[in-house]
Amino acid sequence: MSRIGKKPIELPGGVEVAIEGNIVTVKGPKGTLTQVIPTGMEVAIEAGQVVVKRPSEEKRDKAMHGLTRTLINNMVIGVTEQWKKVLEVNGVGYRVAKQGNKINLTVGKSHPVSFEETADIKLDVPDQNHIVVMGCDKQKVGAFADMIKRARPVEPYKGKGIRYEGERVKKKEGKTGSKK
């Protein structure tokens, strides 16, 4: 049996889970999330815990067992604590500013790059070199953070650009040529 799939998911106070066929809805203090789970997976609520069971020992069912449990667990964490990604902006003259519900990035282009908050995603700028992307849905937070990161990917020679907090970029040595 899957080590991840067999663990029950604890439901903290204030979290409600509704199961209708293969659609799971999780409601909590930070929002509501809905997920379509793979067909065949059996999801049940037992004694304040969500339990995921698989119908057979087939390879596909084994693969979907842990995935289903993880998707539901991520939804429970999202509606209670929210997911968060922190981005660092490194480079001379590179900075971030928040204006209303938009952030403006000055990252070495001829124009500032702007990103706007959505209903699901909230943006925060604690200082001019950091961006915090927050939301209930882990997949949407990761996708939005990656979209911001692609505005100026880290270049390997000087290390300038946007990266995740704690991400290490392998630096390359520059060209060496003969002096004239």
Protein backbone atom coordinates (compact mmCIF):
# COMPACT_ATOMS: atom_id res chain seq x y z
CA MET A 1 0.00 0.00 0.00
CA SER A 2 1.16 3.54 -0.71
CA ARG A 3 2.94 5.08 2.26
CA ILE A 4 1.55 8.51 1.45
CA GLY A 5 -1.89 7.33 0.36
CA LYS A 6 -2.63 5.34 3.51
CA LYS A 7 -2.08 8.29 5.88
CA PRO A 8 -5.34 9.90 6.99
CA ILE A 9 -5.72 13.67 6.59
CA GLU A 10 -6.48 15.47 9.84
CA LEU A 11 -9.19 18.12 9.54
CA PRO A 12 -8.45 21.21 11.64
CA GLY A 13 -11.29 23.16 13.25
CA GLY A 14 -13.32 25.27 10.85
CA VAL A 15 -12.63 23.07 7.81
CA GLU A 16 -15.50 21.30 6.06
CA VAL A 17 -15.07 18.65 3.38
CA ALA A 18 -17.88 17.72 0.98
CA ILE A 19 -17.62 14.72 -1.34
CA GLU A 20 -19.94 14.36 -4.34
CA GLY A 21 -18.91 11.51 -6.62
CA ASN A 22 -15.38 12.32 -7.75
CA ILE A 23 -15.56 16.03 -6.79
CA VAL A 24 -14.09 17.07 -3.43
CA THR A 25 -14.85 20.54 -2.01
CA VAL A 26 -12.90 21.89 0.96
CA LYS A 27 -14.19 24.98 2.79
CA GLY A 28 -12.13 26.83 5.38
CA PRO A 29 -11.43 30.24 6.90
CA LYS A 30 -9.20 31.38 3.98
CA GLY A 31 -11.43 30.21 1.11
CA THR A 32 -13.04 27.34 -0.77
CA LEU A 33 -11.34 24.90 -3.16
CA THR A 34 -12.81 22.26 -5.45
CA GLN A 35 -10.88 19.40 -7.05
CA VAL A 36 -11.88 16.62 -9.41
CA ILE A 37 -10.14 13.48 -8.20
CA PRO A 38 -9.27 10.50 -10.40
CA THR A 39 -12.16 8.13 -11.00
CA GLY A 40 -12.18 5.00 -8.90
CA MET A 41 -10.56 6.51 -5.81
CA GLU A 42 -12.73 6.18 -2.72
CA VAL A 43 -12.69 9.21 -0.41
CA ALA A 44 -14.48 9.05 2.93
CA ILE A 45 -14.68 11.10 6.12
CA GLU A 46 -14.12 8.98 9.22
CA ALA A 47 -13.88 10.42 12.75
CA GLY A 48 -12.74 13.90 11.71
CA GLN A 49 -10.25 12.56 9.18
CA VAL A 50 -10.31 12.17 5.41
CA VAL A 51 -9.31 8.68 4.26
CA VAL A 52 -8.43 7.76 0.66
CA LYS A 53 -8.74 4.12 -0.46
CA ARG A 54 -7.97 2.57 -3.81
CA PRO A 55 -10.27 0.08 -5.51
CA SER A 56 -7.63 -2.41 -6.68
CA GLU A 57 -3.93 -3.20 -6.79
CA GLU A 58 -3.54 -2.20 -10.46
CA LYS A 59 -0.59 -0.01 -11.38
CA ARG A 60 -2.77 3.01 -12.27
CA ASP A 61 -4.71 2.79 -9.00
CA LYS A 62 -1.47 2.58 -7.01
CA ALA A 63 -0.17 5.68 -8.78
CA MET A 64 -3.39 7.65 -8.21
CA HIS A 65 -3.69 6.68 -4.52
CA GLY A 66 -0.88 8.91 -3.21
CA LEU A 67 -1.69 11.67 -5.71
CA THR A 68 -5.32 11.88 -4.59
CA ARG A 69 -4.37 12.04 -0.92
CA THR A 70 -1.77 14.76 -1.60
CA LEU A 71 -4.19 16.88 -3.64
CA ILE A 72 -6.78 16.80 -0.85
CA ASN A 73 -4.13 17.51 1.82
CA ASN A 74 -2.85 20.51 -0.17
CA MET A 75 -6.42 21.84 -0.34
CA VAL A 76 -6.83 21.50 3.46
CA ILE A 77 -3.52 23.31 4.08
CA GLY A 78 -4.46 26.02 1.55
CA VAL A 79 -7.80 26.90 3.14
CA THR A 80 -6.29 27.03 6.65
CA GLU A 81 -2.80 28.54 6.25
CA GLN A 82 -2.51 29.58 2.58
CA TRP A 83 0.42 28.72 0.33
CA LYS A 84 3.23 31.21 -0.09
CA LYS A 85 6.19 31.62 -2.46
CA VAL A 86 8.86 34.26 -1.90
CA LEU A 87 10.84 35.64 -4.85
CA GLU A 88 14.09 37.61 -4.66
CA VAL A 89 15.02 40.30 -7.18
CA ASN A 90 18.82 40.62 -7.55
CA GLY A 91 20.67 43.11 -9.71
CA VAL A 92 21.89 46.69 -9.79
CA GLY A 93 18.86 48.92 -10.33
CA TYR A 94 16.40 46.02 -10.14
CA ARG A 95 13.50 46.73 -7.80
CA VAL A 96 9.85 46.05 -7.12
CA ALA A 97 7.12 48.49 -6.12
CA LYS A 98 3.49 47.82 -5.22
CA GLN A 99 0.80 50.25 -6.37
CA GLY A 100 -2.72 49.30 -5.32
CA ASN A 101 -3.29 45.72 -6.43
CA LYS A 102 -0.42 45.72 -8.96
CA ILE A 103 3.31 45.24 -8.67
CA ASN A 104 5.75 46.98 -11.02
CA LEU A 105 9.10 45.37 -11.71
CA THR A 106 12.06 47.40 -12.89
CA VAL A 107 14.35 44.63 -14.13
CA GLY A 108 16.58 46.09 -16.82
CA LYS A 109 14.05 46.30 -19.61
CA SER A 110 13.06 49.47 -21.48
CA HIS A 111 9.70 49.45 -19.69
CA PRO A 112 8.46 48.36 -16.28
CA VAL A 113 6.81 44.94 -16.13
CA SER A 114 3.48 44.81 -14.25
CA PHE A 115 1.55 41.97 -12.64
CA GLU A 116 -1.92 42.35 -11.16
CA GLU A 117 -3.46 40.43 -8.26
CA THR A 118 -6.28 38.07 -9.14
CA ALA A 119 -9.20 36.87 -7.04
CA ASP A 120 -7.14 33.79 -6.02
CA ILE A 121 -3.65 35.31 -5.78
CA LYS A 122 -2.51 38.09 -3.45
CA LEU A 123 0.83 39.88 -3.87
CA ASP A 124 2.90 41.55 -1.17
CA VAL A 125 6.15 43.51 -1.42
CA PRO A 126 7.87 43.62 2.01
CA ASP A 127 10.85 45.52 0.55
CA GLN A 128 12.05 46.53 -2.91
CA ASN A 129 13.91 43.25 -3.50
CA HIS A 130 11.29 40.67 -2.42
CA ILE A 131 7.89 39.57 -3.72
CA VAL A 132 5.51 37.33 -1.76
CA VAL A 133 2.87 35.41 -3.75
CA MET A 134 0.05 34.00 -1.56
CA GLY A 135 -3.11 32.01 -2.20
CA CYS A 136 -5.18 28.96 -1.28
CA ASP A 137 -4.45 26.88 -4.38
CA LYS A 138 -0.89 25.54 -4.41
CA GLN A 139 -0.87 25.02 -8.18
CA LYS A 140 -2.02 28.57 -8.95
CA VAL A 141 0.49 30.11 -6.51
CA GLY A 142 3.34 28.17 -8.11
CA ALA A 143 2.23 29.05 -11.65
CA PHE A 144 1.88 32.76 -10.83
CA ALA A 145 5.28 32.85 -9.10
CA ASP A 146 6.83 31.17 -12.14
CA MET A 147 5.20 33.73 -14.45
CA ILE A 148 6.81 36.54 -12.42
CA LYS A 149 10.15 34.72 -12.42
CA ARG A 150 10.06 34.45 -16.23
CA ALA A 151 9.95 38.27 -16.50
CA ARG A 152 13.72 38.21 -15.87
CA PRO A 153 15.24 34.73 -15.39
CA VAL A 154 18.52 34.55 -13.49
CA GLU A 155 21.50 34.72 -15.82
CA PRO A 156 24.41 32.43 -14.92
CA TYR A 157 27.31 34.90 -15.28
CA LYS A 158 26.49 37.65 -12.78
CA GLY A 159 23.49 36.06 -11.02
CA LYS A 160 21.15 38.95 -11.85
CA GLY A 161 17.43 38.29 -12.17
CA ILE A 162 14.44 36.93 -10.26
CA ARG A 163 14.77 33.70 -8.28
CA TYR A 164 12.94 31.81 -5.55
CA GLU A 165 14.15 32.52 -2.03
CA GLY A 166 16.92 30.07 -1.22
CA GLU A 167 17.37 28.94 -4.85
CA ARG A 168 20.98 28.43 -5.83
CA VAL A 169 22.10 29.29 -9.33
CA LYS A 170 25.27 27.67 -10.63
CA LYS A 171 27.50 30.46 -11.86
CA LYS A 172 29.55 30.14 -15.05
CA GLU A 173 32.96 31.57 -15.66
CA GLY A 174 33.10 34.35 -18.22
CA LYS A 175 35.18 34.32 -21.38
CA THR A 176 38.90 34.66 -21.05
CA GLY A 177 40.68 36.18 -24.00
CA SER A 178 44.07 37.49 -24.90
CA LYS A 179 44.80 41.12 -24.10
CA LYS A 180 45.68 43.37 -27.01
